[in-house]
Amino acid sequence: MNKIKLMSHLVAGYPTDELALTAARALIKGGADILEIQLPFSDPSADGPAIQTACTEVLNRNYRTADGLKFIAQIHSEFPEVPIYLMSYGSLIYTPGVENFCKKAAEAGVKGMIIPDLPFDFDEGLTAACKANGMVNIPVAAPSMSEERLHKLAHAGFPYIYAALRVGITGTDTKIDDATLTFLKKVSEGGSKVYGGFGISNGEQAKALASSVEAIVAGSVFVRIITENKNDAAKLAEKVEAKARELTGF
């Protein structure tokens, strides 16, 4: 069996910068191809309980955007060949100025931005600012979109689109069925490569999804493992790596 391409999600600074770095190393060792690193945010619209709790814990340490970018820069310097996508929410990007934020993100080593609450056609200049700084904006497609809007996004010329496999929040289990695969086909019909995620937590789901996407995306499953093992760095690394291997078949 071919290795399944994996984009794995991490919350910057969770539970500490050192343990988050341990987790990032374990993910890459386990075969993760792309790291999606989330800047903690206090009022997320798509994150489930595991990620929300992790974000709250990090923010309680007065963690700032600058700390998150420093963390990303550290990973990028250690693994320059691994693409890093920054995931967060619009107000964090908009407040310091979209152009200014994108410049700083690119300098830290970010290759793409995933900002779920900035719609692809009203993105406050995010796509242009990403392009100007050698990054890509990766808009989010959801099954709740109208056919017309989904068609518009699929044919808008984005190199990559993140497909949320169902409506609601991350972290609850997702069934890969015919409706899921039909949705993914529609997202990719304009030629964009598709990342598919939301509730992916085991090898069976990964296999069912693999042939329909550029990479599978898994997040809450890793955040839960990190939470369960945050008092034992060696065990945390071992479990994160094992889960990445399960998902990638690596």
Protein backbone atom coordinates (compact mmCIF):
# COMPACT_ATOMS: atom_id res chain seq x y z
CA MET A 1 0.00 0.00 0.00
CA ASN A 2 1.19 3.51 -0.80
CA LYS A 3 1.82 5.89 2.07
CA ILE A 4 -1.16 8.16 2.72
CA LYS A 5 -0.29 11.85 2.72
CA LEU A 6 -1.08 13.50 6.06
CA MET A 7 -1.55 17.08 7.15
CA SER A 8 -1.46 17.05 10.95
CA HIS A 9 -2.77 19.81 13.19
CA LEU A 10 -1.00 21.21 16.25
CA VAL A 11 -1.91 24.09 18.56
CA ALA A 12 1.15 26.34 18.92
CA GLY A 13 2.48 26.29 22.48
CA TYR A 14 0.25 23.45 23.71
CA PRO A 15 0.69 22.36 26.41
CA THR A 16 4.11 24.07 26.47
CA ASP A 17 6.38 25.17 23.62
CA GLU A 18 8.77 22.34 24.46
CA LEU A 19 6.08 19.64 24.44
CA ALA A 20 4.51 21.09 21.29
CA LEU A 21 7.95 20.82 19.66
CA THR A 22 8.22 17.22 20.89
CA ALA A 23 4.84 16.51 19.27
CA ALA A 24 5.88 18.18 15.99
CA ARG A 25 9.04 16.04 15.83
CA ALA A 26 6.99 12.90 16.53
CA LEU A 27 4.46 13.78 13.83
CA ILE A 28 7.19 14.21 11.23
CA LYS A 29 8.91 11.01 12.36
CA GLY A 30 5.56 9.23 12.00
CA GLY A 31 5.21 10.39 8.41
CA ALA A 32 3.28 13.69 8.54
CA ASP A 33 3.91 15.55 5.27
CA ILE A 34 2.50 18.94 6.26
CA LEU A 35 2.13 20.61 9.65
CA GLU A 36 -0.96 22.75 10.17
CA ILE A 37 -0.13 24.93 13.16
CA GLN A 38 -2.94 26.79 14.85
CA LEU A 39 -2.46 30.13 16.56
CA PRO A 40 -4.63 29.89 19.70
CA PHE A 41 -7.82 31.93 19.49
CA SER A 42 -10.42 32.68 22.14
CA ASP A 43 -13.62 32.45 20.09
CA PRO A 44 -13.25 29.77 17.41
CA SER A 45 -16.15 28.89 15.12
CA ALA A 46 -15.07 25.45 13.91
CA ASP A 47 -12.97 23.89 16.67
CA GLY A 48 -14.30 21.08 18.84
CA PRO A 49 -13.76 20.70 22.61
CA ALA A 50 -10.25 19.19 22.44
CA ILE A 51 -8.81 22.07 20.40
CA GLN A 52 -10.85 24.77 22.18
CA THR A 53 -9.58 23.57 25.57
CA ALA A 54 -5.99 23.49 24.30
CA CYS A 55 -6.32 27.05 22.94
CA THR A 56 -7.76 28.33 26.22
CA GLU A 57 -4.94 26.74 28.20
CA VAL A 58 -2.27 28.36 26.00
CA LEU A 59 -3.99 31.77 26.03
CA ASN A 60 -4.11 31.63 29.83
CA ARG A 61 -0.29 31.83 29.73
CA ASN A 62 -0.62 35.19 27.92
CA TYR A 63 0.57 33.54 24.71
CA ARG A 64 0.68 36.02 21.83
CA THR A 65 0.77 35.84 18.04
CA ALA A 66 4.48 36.70 18.19
CA ASP A 67 5.07 33.62 20.39
CA GLY A 68 3.22 31.42 17.90
CA LEU A 69 5.27 32.75 14.97
CA LYS A 70 8.47 32.20 16.96
CA PHE A 71 7.38 28.58 17.57
CA ILE A 72 6.69 28.11 13.85
CA ALA A 73 10.10 29.60 12.98
CA GLN A 74 11.76 27.11 15.33
CA ILE A 75 10.05 24.13 13.64
CA HIS A 76 10.82 25.55 10.20
CA SER A 77 14.52 25.91 11.03
CA GLU A 78 14.64 22.29 12.22
CA PHE A 79 12.56 20.86 9.35
CA PRO A 80 12.91 23.29 6.42
CA GLU A 81 11.63 20.67 3.96
CA VAL A 82 8.26 20.24 5.74
CA PRO A 83 5.58 22.72 4.60
CA ILE A 84 3.92 24.60 7.46
CA TYR A 85 0.41 26.00 7.11
CA LEU A 86 -0.81 28.52 9.65
CA MET A 87 -4.41 28.11 10.80
CA SER A 88 -6.26 30.76 12.76
CA TYR A 89 -9.19 33.15 12.60
CA GLY A 90 -9.81 36.41 10.76
CA SER A 91 -9.51 38.92 13.58
CA LEU A 92 -5.95 37.77 14.46
CA ILE A 93 -4.92 38.37 10.85
CA TYR A 94 -6.96 41.53 10.28
CA THR A 95 -6.09 43.43 13.47
CA PRO A 96 -2.34 43.89 12.75
CA GLY A 97 -3.12 44.36 9.02
CA VAL A 98 -3.40 41.47 6.57
CA GLU A 99 -0.35 42.50 4.53
CA ASN A 100 1.76 43.00 7.65
CA PHE A 101 0.65 39.65 9.15
CA CYS A 102 1.37 37.73 5.95
CA LYS A 103 4.85 39.23 5.71
CA LYS A 104 5.64 38.12 9.29
CA ALA A 105 4.16 34.64 8.73
CA ALA A 106 6.24 34.14 5.57
CA GLU A 107 9.38 35.26 7.39
CA ALA A 108 8.66 32.59 10.05
CA GLY A 109 8.54 29.91 7.35
CA VAL A 110 4.78 29.62 6.71
CA LYS A 111 3.86 28.32 3.24
CA GLY A 112 0.06 28.63 3.41
CA MET A 113 -2.76 30.18 5.41
CA ILE A 114 -6.01 28.49 6.49
CA ILE A 115 -8.42 31.06 7.91
CA PRO A 116 -11.88 29.40 8.03
CA ASP A 117 -13.93 32.50 8.80
CA LEU A 118 -12.58 34.58 5.89
CA PRO A 119 -14.74 33.59 2.87
CA PHE A 120 -12.82 32.98 -0.35
CA ASP A 121 -14.49 35.90 -2.16
CA PHE A 122 -14.43 38.40 0.73
CA ASP A 123 -11.06 37.63 2.25
CA GLU A 124 -9.89 41.14 3.22
CA GLY A 125 -7.02 40.85 0.71
CA LEU A 126 -5.63 37.60 2.20
CA THR A 127 -5.17 35.78 -1.13
CA ALA A 128 -3.29 38.73 -2.66
CA ALA A 129 -1.15 39.23 0.47
CA CYS A 130 -0.27 35.51 0.54
CA LYS A 131 0.74 35.61 -3.13
CA ALA A 132 2.87 38.71 -2.58
CA ASN A 133 4.75 36.86 0.18
CA GLY A 134 5.24 33.50 -1.55
CA MET A 135 2.43 31.73 0.31
CA VAL A 136 -0.96 30.30 -0.68
CA ASN A 137 -4.34 31.06 0.82
CA ILE A 138 -6.22 27.79 1.35
CA PRO A 139 -9.97 28.50 1.56
CA VAL A 140 -12.38 26.16 3.30
CA ALA A 141 -15.22 24.34 1.53
CA ALA A 142 -18.08 22.92 3.60
CA PRO A 143 -20.95 20.56 2.70
CA SER A 144 -23.37 23.26 3.86
CA MET A 145 -22.39 25.53 0.93
CA SER A 146 -24.95 26.00 -1.82
CA GLU A 147 -24.19 24.17 -5.11
CA GLU A 148 -23.66 27.53 -6.81
CA ARG A 149 -21.20 28.78 -4.21
CA LEU A 150 -19.30 25.50 -4.10
CA HIS A 151 -19.00 25.59 -7.90
CA LYS A 152 -17.71 29.17 -7.72
CA LEU A 153 -15.05 28.22 -5.14
CA ALA A 154 -14.01 25.08 -7.04
CA HIS A 155 -13.43 27.15 -10.19
CA ALA A 156 -11.79 30.17 -8.50
CA GLY A 157 -8.26 28.99 -9.30
CA PHE A 158 -6.97 28.22 -5.79
CA PRO A 159 -4.05 25.72 -5.82
CA TYR A 160 -5.49 24.01 -2.71
CA ILE A 161 -8.86 23.89 -0.98
CA TYR A 162 -9.49 22.53 2.52
CA ALA A 163 -12.66 20.44 2.46
CA ALA A 164 -14.42 20.13 5.82
CA LEU A 165 -16.01 16.70 5.49
CA ARG A 166 -19.17 17.62 7.36
CA VAL A 167 -20.88 20.54 9.04
CA GLY A 168 -20.39 21.31 12.73
CA ILE A 169 -17.20 21.27 14.76
CA THR A 170 -14.00 19.25 14.59
CA GLY A 171 -13.24 16.25 16.71
CA THR A 172 -16.40 14.16 16.49
CA ASP A 173 -16.35 11.04 14.37
CA THR A 174 -16.86 11.34 10.61
CA LYS A 175 -18.30 8.64 8.37
CA ILE A 176 -16.74 8.50 4.91
CA ASP A 177 -19.72 7.65 2.69
CA ASP A 178 -20.90 8.24 -0.89
CA ALA A 179 -22.12 11.74 -0.01
CA THR A 180 -18.62 12.60 1.32
CA LEU A 181 -16.93 11.36 -1.84
CA THR A 182 -19.42 13.18 -4.09
CA PHE A 183 -18.76 16.40 -2.17
CA LEU A 184 -14.98 15.96 -2.56
CA LYS A 185 -15.41 15.41 -6.31
CA LYS A 186 -17.28 18.72 -6.57
CA VAL A 187 -14.59 20.56 -4.58
CA SER A 188 -11.85 19.28 -6.90
CA GLU A 189 -13.66 19.66 -10.23
CA GLY A 190 -11.97 22.98 -11.04
CA GLY A 191 -8.48 21.48 -10.68
CA SER A 192 -7.66 22.51 -7.09
CA LYS A 193 -5.91 19.92 -4.94
CA VAL A 194 -8.05 19.04 -1.93
CA TYR A 195 -7.15 18.49 1.71
CA GLY A 196 -9.91 16.57 3.50
CA GLY A 197 -10.45 16.61 7.24
CA PHE A 198 -12.82 16.96 10.23
CA GLY A 199 -13.13 13.98 12.54
CA ILE A 200 -10.42 11.78 10.99
CA SER A 201 -8.95 9.66 13.77
CA ASN A 202 -8.11 6.18 12.50
CA GLY A 203 -6.45 4.26 9.70
CA GLU A 204 -9.72 2.93 8.25
CA GLN A 205 -11.07 6.45 7.67
CA ALA A 206 -7.70 7.50 6.22
CA LYS A 207 -7.77 4.62 3.72
CA ALA A 208 -11.38 5.34 2.73
CA LEU A 209 -10.50 8.97 2.06
CA ALA A 210 -6.99 8.74 0.61
CA SER A 211 -7.79 8.27 -3.09
CA SER A 212 -10.15 11.28 -3.14
CA VAL A 213 -7.80 13.88 -1.63
CA GLU A 214 -4.30 15.29 -1.93
CA ALA A 215 -3.84 14.70 1.82
CA ILE A 216 -5.99 13.71 4.77
CA VAL A 217 -6.15 16.15 7.68
CA ALA A 218 -6.16 15.04 11.33
CA GLY A 219 -6.19 17.36 14.31
CA SER A 220 -8.32 16.64 17.36
CA VAL A 221 -7.03 13.06 17.56
CA PHE A 222 -3.48 14.37 18.07
CA VAL A 223 -4.54 17.11 20.48
CA ARG A 224 -6.29 14.48 22.61
CA ILE A 225 -3.17 12.26 22.64
CA ILE A 226 -1.04 15.26 23.65
CA THR A 227 -3.52 16.14 26.44
CA GLU A 228 -3.59 12.56 27.76
CA ASN A 229 0.22 12.32 27.84
CA LYS A 230 1.34 15.83 28.72
CA ASN A 231 2.98 14.66 31.93
CA ASP A 232 5.22 12.19 30.13
CA ALA A 233 7.15 13.60 27.16
CA ALA A 234 8.53 10.22 26.05
CA LYS A 235 5.10 8.61 26.03
CA LEU A 236 3.61 11.63 24.27
CA ALA A 237 6.19 11.33 21.47
CA GLU A 238 5.67 7.58 21.17
CA LYS A 239 1.85 7.78 20.98
CA VAL A 240 1.79 10.74 18.56
CA GLU A 241 4.26 9.00 16.25
CA ALA A 242 2.27 5.72 16.41
CA LYS A 243 -1.00 7.50 15.51
CA ALA A 244 0.69 9.31 12.59
CA ARG A 245 2.00 5.93 11.34
CA GLU A 246 -1.49 4.44 11.63
CA LEU A 247 -3.01 7.26 9.58
CA THR A 248 -0.30 7.29 6.90
CA GLY A 249 0.34 3.54 6.72
CA PHE A 250 4.02 4.56 6.98
